[in-house]
Amino acid sequence: MFFGMSYLFDSPTSWLLVCLLSWFLVALSVIDSCTLILPDALTQPLLWFGLLLSTLGYGVPVESAILGAIAGYLSLWTLYWCLKLLVKKEGLGFGDFKLLAALGAWSGWEALPQLCTLAALTGIFYSVVLGRGSLHGNLIPFGPALSFSGVLIYISQRSEAVWLM
């Protein structure tokens, strides 16, 4: 997979960064699929690394990364509380907020609407494929959908693979 992605990027640095992001997201997806938990030990370093890269000039502009992290977190936090107040159920976990914040830091606030739409569609597809359930009853982990969408958005921003989006 990573060897194939090397053809999409002009510089080794870009390729290494997408590999790093992908490794984090694969690990988070597997963990979330098995446990319904996105551990802070992975989401927080991913967030801070995205912000650091933007300050070093390897990512989106710093302002976009900071706003992406804030908007990513607050958008799912707001959705969580709306669901909790209206339906009296928790529809998302706090790890989902943190993962979207990290992806916002990597991709910028401008990419969040596209990323969230793709993640929602991926999550719906994932739940249909699983037959409306998972290993955890009716709970569907959202981390894999966010991860898949996040890496596609990031690759489409940084490479010749604009056709992905």
C-alpha atoms as a PDB file:
ATOM      1  CA  MET A   1       0.000   0.000   0.000  1.00  0.00           C
ATOM      2  CA  PHE A   2       2.689   2.495   1.016  1.00  0.00           C
ATOM      3  CA  PHE A   3       4.908   1.577  -1.921  1.00  0.00           C
ATOM      4  CA  GLY A   4       2.016   2.218  -4.284  1.00  0.00           C
ATOM      5  CA  MET A   5       1.381   5.617  -2.699  1.00  0.00           C
ATOM      6  CA  SER A   6       4.983   6.648  -3.373  1.00  0.00           C
ATOM      7  CA  TYR A   7       4.050   7.232  -7.023  1.00  0.00           C
ATOM      8  CA  LEU A   8       1.510   9.877  -6.042  1.00  0.00           C
ATOM      9  CA  PHE A   9       3.976  12.272  -4.418  1.00  0.00           C
ATOM     10  CA  ASP A  10       6.738  14.473  -5.787  1.00  0.00           C
ATOM     11  CA  SER A  11       8.856  14.515  -2.646  1.00  0.00           C
ATOM     12  CA  PRO A  12       9.949  11.820  -0.211  1.00  0.00           C
ATOM     13  CA  THR A  13       8.884  14.093   2.653  1.00  0.00           C
ATOM     14  CA  SER A  14       5.273  14.177   1.452  1.00  0.00           C
ATOM     15  CA  TRP A  15       5.290  10.416   1.036  1.00  0.00           C
ATOM     16  CA  LEU A  16       6.723   9.882   4.537  1.00  0.00           C
ATOM     17  CA  LEU A  17       4.114  12.185   6.060  1.00  0.00           C
ATOM     18  CA  VAL A  18       1.225  10.366   4.401  1.00  0.00           C
ATOM     19  CA  CYS A  19       2.726   7.055   5.544  1.00  0.00           C
ATOM     20  CA  LEU A  20       2.938   8.371   9.118  1.00  0.00           C
ATOM     21  CA  LEU A  21      -0.643   9.623   9.009  1.00  0.00           C
ATOM     22  CA  SER A  22      -1.802   6.333   7.495  1.00  0.00           C
ATOM     23  CA  TRP A  23      -0.081   4.224  10.157  1.00  0.00           C
ATOM     24  CA  PHE A  24      -1.751   6.224  12.919  1.00  0.00           C
ATOM     25  CA  LEU A  25      -5.134   5.962  11.207  1.00  0.00           C
ATOM     26  CA  VAL A  26      -4.845   2.231  10.528  1.00  0.00           C
ATOM     27  CA  ALA A  27      -3.966   1.614  14.181  1.00  0.00           C
ATOM     28  CA  LEU A  28      -6.834   3.812  15.374  1.00  0.00           C
ATOM     29  CA  SER A  29      -9.280   2.104  13.000  1.00  0.00           C
ATOM     30  CA  VAL A  30      -8.355  -1.379  14.182  1.00  0.00           C
ATOM     31  CA  ILE A  31      -8.553  -0.378  17.842  1.00  0.00           C
ATOM     32  CA  ASP A  32     -11.897   1.395  17.390  1.00  0.00           C
ATOM     33  CA  SER A  33     -13.349  -1.527  15.417  1.00  0.00           C
ATOM     34  CA  CYS A  34     -12.426  -3.958  18.183  1.00  0.00           C
ATOM     35  CA  THR A  35     -13.066  -1.862  21.298  1.00  0.00           C
ATOM     36  CA  LEU A  36     -15.124   1.223  20.336  1.00  0.00           C
ATOM     37  CA  ILE A  37     -12.300   3.301  21.830  1.00  0.00           C
ATOM     38  CA  LEU A  38      -9.999   5.797  20.134  1.00  0.00           C
ATOM     39  CA  PRO A  39      -7.167   6.110  22.657  1.00  0.00           C
ATOM     40  CA  ASP A  40      -5.774   9.514  23.587  1.00  0.00           C
ATOM     41  CA  ALA A  41      -2.313   7.945  23.367  1.00  0.00           C
ATOM     42  CA  LEU A  42      -2.752   7.976  19.572  1.00  0.00           C
ATOM     43  CA  THR A  43      -5.222  10.799  18.858  1.00  0.00           C
ATOM     44  CA  GLN A  44      -3.375  13.472  20.827  1.00  0.00           C
ATOM     45  CA  PRO A  45       0.083  12.904  19.275  1.00  0.00           C
ATOM     46  CA  LEU A  46      -1.601  12.866  15.862  1.00  0.00           C
ATOM     47  CA  LEU A  47      -3.191  16.250  16.625  1.00  0.00           C
ATOM     48  CA  TRP A  48       0.020  17.824  17.921  1.00  0.00           C
ATOM     49  CA  PHE A  49       2.092  16.404  15.087  1.00  0.00           C
ATOM     50  CA  GLY A  50      -0.339  17.919  12.559  1.00  0.00           C
ATOM     51  CA  LEU A  51      -0.065  21.308  14.264  1.00  0.00           C
ATOM     52  CA  LEU A  52       3.738  21.033  14.451  1.00  0.00           C
ATOM     53  CA  LEU A  53       3.994  20.177  10.759  1.00  0.00           C
ATOM     54  CA  SER A  54       1.950  23.236   9.854  1.00  0.00           C
ATOM     55  CA  THR A  55       4.256  25.491  11.885  1.00  0.00           C
ATOM     56  CA  LEU A  56       7.280  23.966  10.129  1.00  0.00           C
ATOM     57  CA  GLY A  57       5.733  24.601   6.717  1.00  0.00           C
ATOM     58  CA  TYR A  58       4.975  20.984   5.810  1.00  0.00           C
ATOM     59  CA  GLY A  59       1.234  21.111   6.247  1.00  0.00           C
ATOM     60  CA  VAL A  60      -1.612  23.509   5.731  1.00  0.00           C
ATOM     61  CA  PRO A  61      -1.101  27.104   6.926  1.00  0.00           C
ATOM     62  CA  VAL A  62      -0.934  27.383  10.719  1.00  0.00           C
ATOM     63  CA  GLU A  63      -4.190  29.332  10.976  1.00  0.00           C
ATOM     64  CA  SER A  64      -6.011  26.706   8.923  1.00  0.00           C
ATOM     65  CA  ALA A  65      -4.585  23.875  11.044  1.00  0.00           C
ATOM     66  CA  ILE A  66      -5.573  25.538  14.329  1.00  0.00           C
ATOM     67  CA  LEU A  67      -9.062  26.384  13.087  1.00  0.00           C
ATOM     68  CA  GLY A  68      -9.354  22.866  11.655  1.00  0.00           C
ATOM     69  CA  ALA A  69      -8.536  21.324  15.016  1.00  0.00           C
ATOM     70  CA  ILE A  70     -10.979  23.571  16.877  1.00  0.00           C
ATOM     71  CA  ALA A  71     -13.782  23.245  14.316  1.00  0.00           C
ATOM     72  CA  GLY A  72     -13.270  19.489  14.018  1.00  0.00           C
ATOM     73  CA  TYR A  73     -13.598  18.965  17.745  1.00  0.00           C
ATOM     74  CA  LEU A  74     -16.481  21.377  18.266  1.00  0.00           C
ATOM     75  CA  SER A  75     -18.538  20.120  15.319  1.00  0.00           C
ATOM     76  CA  LEU A  76     -18.761  16.559  16.649  1.00  0.00           C
ATOM     77  CA  TRP A  77     -19.019  17.783  20.260  1.00  0.00           C
ATOM     78  CA  THR A  78     -22.052  19.868  19.257  1.00  0.00           C
ATOM     79  CA  LEU A  79     -23.603  16.943  17.386  1.00  0.00           C
ATOM     80  CA  TYR A  80     -23.002  14.708  20.429  1.00  0.00           C
ATOM     81  CA  TRP A  81     -24.846  17.076  22.762  1.00  0.00           C
ATOM     82  CA  CYS A  82     -27.702  17.666  20.318  1.00  0.00           C
ATOM     83  CA  LEU A  83     -28.236  13.908  20.042  1.00  0.00           C
ATOM     84  CA  LYS A  84     -27.945  13.449  23.786  1.00  0.00           C
ATOM     85  CA  LEU A  85     -30.480  16.189  24.546  1.00  0.00           C
ATOM     86  CA  LEU A  86     -32.965  15.364  21.778  1.00  0.00           C
ATOM     87  CA  VAL A  87     -32.794  11.572  21.563  1.00  0.00           C
ATOM     88  CA  LYS A  88     -31.367  10.838  25.019  1.00  0.00           C
ATOM     89  CA  LYS A  89     -28.630   8.665  23.478  1.00  0.00           C
ATOM     90  CA  GLU A  90     -24.939   9.070  22.899  1.00  0.00           C
ATOM     91  CA  GLY A  91     -24.316   8.849  19.162  1.00  0.00           C
ATOM     92  CA  LEU A  92     -20.579   9.505  19.217  1.00  0.00           C
ATOM     93  CA  GLY A  93     -17.661   8.995  21.528  1.00  0.00           C
ATOM     94  CA  PHE A  94     -15.207  11.610  22.742  1.00  0.00           C
ATOM     95  CA  GLY A  95     -12.443   9.884  20.780  1.00  0.00           C
ATOM     96  CA  ASP A  96     -14.305  10.745  17.577  1.00  0.00           C
ATOM     97  CA  PHE A  97     -14.111  14.454  18.499  1.00  0.00           C
ATOM     98  CA  LYS A  98     -10.374  14.171  19.085  1.00  0.00           C
ATOM     99  CA  LEU A  99      -9.760  12.241  15.873  1.00  0.00           C
ATOM    100  CA  LEU A 100     -11.634  14.821  13.791  1.00  0.00           C
ATOM    101  CA  ALA A 101      -9.663  17.564  15.556  1.00  0.00           C
ATOM    102  CA  ALA A 102      -6.434  15.806  14.560  1.00  0.00           C
ATOM    103  CA  LEU A 103      -7.608  15.382  10.971  1.00  0.00           C
ATOM    104  CA  GLY A 104      -8.580  19.061  10.940  1.00  0.00           C
ATOM    105  CA  ALA A 105      -5.042  19.947  12.012  1.00  0.00           C
ATOM    106  CA  TRP A 106      -3.603  17.851   9.179  1.00  0.00           C
ATOM    107  CA  SER A 107      -6.046  18.933   6.445  1.00  0.00           C
ATOM    108  CA  GLY A 108      -7.243  22.389   7.542  1.00  0.00           C
ATOM    109  CA  TRP A 109     -10.693  23.700   8.361  1.00  0.00           C
ATOM    110  CA  GLU A 110     -11.553  24.083   4.670  1.00  0.00           C
ATOM    111  CA  ALA A 111     -11.475  20.294   4.196  1.00  0.00           C
ATOM    112  CA  LEU A 112     -13.787  19.486   7.120  1.00  0.00           C
ATOM    113  CA  PRO A 113     -17.145  19.652   5.281  1.00  0.00           C
ATOM    114  CA  GLN A 114     -15.887  17.295   2.581  1.00  0.00           C
ATOM    115  CA  LEU A 115     -14.202  15.047   5.148  1.00  0.00           C
ATOM    116  CA  CYS A 116     -17.314  14.818   7.345  1.00  0.00           C
ATOM    117  CA  THR A 117     -19.601  14.142   4.385  1.00  0.00           C
ATOM    118  CA  LEU A 118     -17.347  11.378   3.109  1.00  0.00           C
ATOM    119  CA  ALA A 119     -17.023   9.943   6.638  1.00  0.00           C
ATOM    120  CA  ALA A 120     -20.805   9.917   7.106  1.00  0.00           C
ATOM    121  CA  LEU A 121     -21.322   8.156   3.768  1.00  0.00           C
ATOM    122  CA  THR A 122     -18.539   5.695   4.592  1.00  0.00           C
ATOM    123  CA  GLY A 123     -20.088   5.046   8.010  1.00  0.00           C
ATOM    124  CA  ILE A 124     -23.479   4.372   6.427  1.00  0.00           C
ATOM    125  CA  PHE A 125     -21.898   1.997   3.915  1.00  0.00           C
ATOM    126  CA  TYR A 126     -19.962   0.306   6.726  1.00  0.00           C
ATOM    127  CA  SER A 127     -23.138  -0.232   8.757  1.00  0.00           C
ATOM    128  CA  VAL A 128     -25.003  -1.634   5.743  1.00  0.00           C
ATOM    129  CA  VAL A 129     -22.144  -4.033   4.981  1.00  0.00           C
ATOM    130  CA  LEU A 130     -22.144  -5.174   8.605  1.00  0.00           C
ATOM    131  CA  GLY A 131     -25.882  -5.736   8.442  1.00  0.00           C
ATOM    132  CA  ARG A 132     -26.924  -2.935  10.807  1.00  0.00           C
ATOM    133  CA  GLY A 133     -24.764  -4.230  13.603  1.00  0.00           C
ATOM    134  CA  SER A 134     -21.243  -5.029  14.600  1.00  0.00           C
ATOM    135  CA  LEU A 135     -19.300  -6.951  17.168  1.00  0.00           C
ATOM    136  CA  HIS A 136     -20.784  -4.484  19.658  1.00  0.00           C
ATOM    137  CA  GLY A 137     -24.499  -4.912  18.972  1.00  0.00           C
ATOM    138  CA  ASN A 138     -25.955  -1.957  17.099  1.00  0.00           C
ATOM    139  CA  LEU A 139     -22.994   0.310  17.804  1.00  0.00           C
ATOM    140  CA  ILE A 140     -20.925   1.175  14.749  1.00  0.00           C
ATOM    141  CA  PRO A 141     -17.419   2.584  15.280  1.00  0.00           C
ATOM    142  CA  PHE A 142     -17.024   5.935  13.504  1.00  0.00           C
ATOM    143  CA  GLY A 143     -13.216   6.032  13.746  1.00  0.00           C
ATOM    144  CA  PRO A 144     -12.616   3.830  10.683  1.00  0.00           C
ATOM    145  CA  ALA A 145     -14.903   6.036   8.563  1.00  0.00           C
ATOM    146  CA  LEU A 146     -13.168   9.196   9.787  1.00  0.00           C
ATOM    147  CA  SER A 147      -9.763   7.611   9.187  1.00  0.00           C
ATOM    148  CA  PHE A 148     -10.580   6.440   5.669  1.00  0.00           C
ATOM    149  CA  SER A 149     -11.999   9.844   4.762  1.00  0.00           C
ATOM    150  CA  GLY A 150      -9.149  11.714   6.407  1.00  0.00           C
ATOM    151  CA  VAL A 151      -6.428   9.883   4.528  1.00  0.00           C
ATOM    152  CA  LEU A 152      -8.263  10.283   1.195  1.00  0.00           C
ATOM    153  CA  ILE A 153      -8.685  14.013   1.757  1.00  0.00           C
ATOM    154  CA  TYR A 154      -5.052  14.414   2.830  1.00  0.00           C
ATOM    155  CA  ILE A 155      -3.737  12.488  -0.178  1.00  0.00           C
ATOM    156  CA  SER A 156      -5.947  14.453  -2.569  1.00  0.00           C
ATOM    157  CA  GLN A 157      -4.607  17.726  -1.115  1.00  0.00           C
ATOM    158  CA  ARG A 158      -0.947  16.777  -1.291  1.00  0.00           C
ATOM    159  CA  SER A 159      -0.497  14.780  -4.465  1.00  0.00           C
ATOM    160  CA  GLU A 160      -1.341  14.324  -8.080  1.00  0.00           C
ATOM    161  CA  ALA A 161      -4.304  12.220  -6.946  1.00  0.00           C
ATOM    162  CA  VAL A 162      -6.883  14.999  -7.137  1.00  0.00           C
ATOM    163  CA  TRP A 163      -9.046  12.492  -9.026  1.00  0.00           C
ATOM    164  CA  LEU A 164      -9.656  10.772  -5.657  1.00  0.00           C
ATOM    165  CA  MET A 165     -12.027  13.560  -4.748  1.00  0.00           C
END
